[in-house]
Protein backbone atom coordinates (compact mmCIF):
# COMPACT_ATOMS: atom_id res chain seq x y z
CA MET A 1 106.22 110.16 91.99
CA GLY A 2 105.44 113.18 94.10
CA ALA A 3 107.19 116.46 94.78
CA ALA A 4 108.99 115.03 97.83
CA SER A 5 110.53 112.28 95.72
CA HIS A 6 111.72 114.75 93.08
CA CYS A 7 113.18 116.97 95.82
CA ALA A 8 115.05 113.95 97.26
CA ASP A 9 116.31 113.13 93.75
CA ARG A 10 117.64 116.66 93.29
CA ARG A 11 119.31 116.54 96.73
CA ALA A 12 120.99 113.23 95.78
CA MET A 13 122.25 114.78 92.52
CA ARG A 14 123.98 117.57 94.49
CA ALA A 15 125.44 115.32 97.20
CA ASP A 16 128.84 113.67 97.22
CA GLY A 17 127.38 110.43 98.57
CA PRO A 18 124.14 108.66 99.44
CA CYS A 19 121.18 110.67 100.76
CA THR A 20 118.59 109.16 103.07
CA SER A 21 115.08 110.51 103.54
CA GLU A 22 111.54 109.49 104.36
CA GLU A 23 108.92 109.67 101.63
CA TRP A 24 105.24 108.80 101.46
CA VAL A 25 104.64 106.84 98.27
CA THR A 26 101.28 105.95 96.72
CA PHE A 27 101.39 102.77 94.64
CA ALA A 28 99.53 103.06 91.32
CA ARG A 29 98.65 99.36 91.22
CA ASP A 30 96.18 99.49 94.11
CA GLY A 31 96.46 103.02 95.56
CA HIS A 32 97.89 101.99 98.94
CA ARG A 33 100.41 104.26 100.66
CA GLU A 34 103.63 103.41 102.45
CA LEU A 35 106.18 105.49 104.29
CA LEU A 36 109.53 104.58 102.76
CA GLU A 37 112.99 105.26 104.06
CA THR A 38 114.82 105.87 100.82
CA THR A 39 118.51 105.97 100.08
CA LYS A 40 119.42 107.66 96.81
CA LEU A 41 122.72 108.03 95.04
CA ALA A 42 123.61 110.03 91.94
CA MET A 43 124.98 107.91 89.10
CA HIS A 44 127.65 109.24 86.74
CA ASP A 45 129.21 107.86 83.57
CA ALA A 46 132.96 107.41 83.07
CA ASP A 47 133.31 111.11 82.17
CA GLY A 48 131.58 112.22 85.38
CA THR A 49 128.36 113.25 83.62
CA LEU A 50 125.23 112.74 85.69
CA ILE A 51 123.15 109.98 84.10
CA GLY A 52 120.53 109.38 86.77
CA VAL A 53 119.66 108.64 90.37
CA ARG A 54 119.53 105.16 91.85
CA GLY A 55 117.41 104.58 94.90
CA ILE A 56 116.20 101.88 97.21
CA GLY A 57 113.32 102.12 99.65
CA HIS A 58 112.33 100.20 102.75
CA ASP A 59 108.77 100.26 104.11
CA ILE A 60 108.93 101.85 107.58
CA THR A 61 105.20 102.51 107.96
CA ASP A 62 104.68 100.00 110.77
CA ARG A 63 107.89 101.02 112.54
CA LYS A 64 106.83 104.67 112.58
CA ARG A 65 103.35 103.75 113.85
CA ILE A 66 104.87 101.69 116.68
CA GLU A 67 107.30 104.52 117.56
CA HIS A 68 104.36 106.94 117.71
CA ASP A 69 102.36 104.57 119.92
CA LEU A 70 105.29 104.04 122.30
CA ARG A 71 105.93 107.78 122.49
CA SER A 72 102.26 108.34 123.38
CA ILE A 73 102.38 105.66 126.08
CA THR A 74 105.56 107.05 127.68
CA LEU A 75 104.33 110.64 127.49
CA TYR A 76 101.33 109.94 129.74
CA ALA A 77 102.83 107.23 131.96
CA ALA A 78 102.92 107.92 135.71
CA GLU A 79 106.23 106.04 135.92
CA GLY A 80 109.49 107.65 135.02
CA ILE A 81 110.76 106.35 131.68
CA TRP A 82 114.03 107.37 130.05
CA THR A 83 116.61 106.22 127.57
CA SER A 84 120.28 107.00 127.61
CA GLY A 85 123.20 106.49 125.28
CA LEU A 86 126.29 104.41 125.90
CA ASP A 87 127.87 107.57 127.34
CA SER A 88 125.05 107.69 129.99
CA ARG A 89 123.71 110.91 128.47
CA PHE A 90 119.90 111.22 128.56
CA LEU A 91 118.42 110.81 125.09
CA TYR A 92 114.78 110.95 126.17
CA ALA A 93 112.90 111.31 129.43
CA ASN A 94 109.14 111.47 129.87
CA PRO A 95 107.58 114.15 132.11
CA ALA A 96 107.41 111.78 135.11
CA ALA A 97 111.15 111.02 134.85
CA LEU A 98 111.97 114.72 134.56
CA ALA A 99 109.86 115.44 137.66
CA MET A 100 111.57 112.61 139.58
CA THR A 101 115.07 113.82 138.73
CA GLY A 102 114.40 117.55 138.85
CA ARG A 103 115.83 117.89 135.38
CA GLU A 104 114.49 119.88 132.51
CA GLY A 105 114.36 118.49 129.03
CA PRO A 106 113.00 119.11 125.58
CA ASP A 107 109.29 118.92 124.97
CA PRO A 108 108.61 115.18 125.49
CA SER A 109 105.85 115.23 122.88
CA GLU A 110 108.57 115.71 120.27
CA GLY A 111 110.00 112.30 121.13
CA PRO A 112 113.62 111.22 121.42
């Protein structure tokens, strides 16, 4: 495992509950890489002594690629595109939507 994984392990050891992070992992079997969303939790024995870290990972490589592609499409679209929360607060607006509404927003290239 790489430095990012060890850093996430150390963070989980210090936390009071589960820690979630994203980690690139290279698989030794065939050398392919996946972006994993990992959730790690420190494990303790009956006396409270740290005995290890348990983790589970989900491959989010395709999801992140799709999010990037959608962000690129909305960034350059001539149409106004925005998302809002249940409270009607803007979560994301592309430059065309900001121009239409006269609002200012964060740098749209940074995504929602």
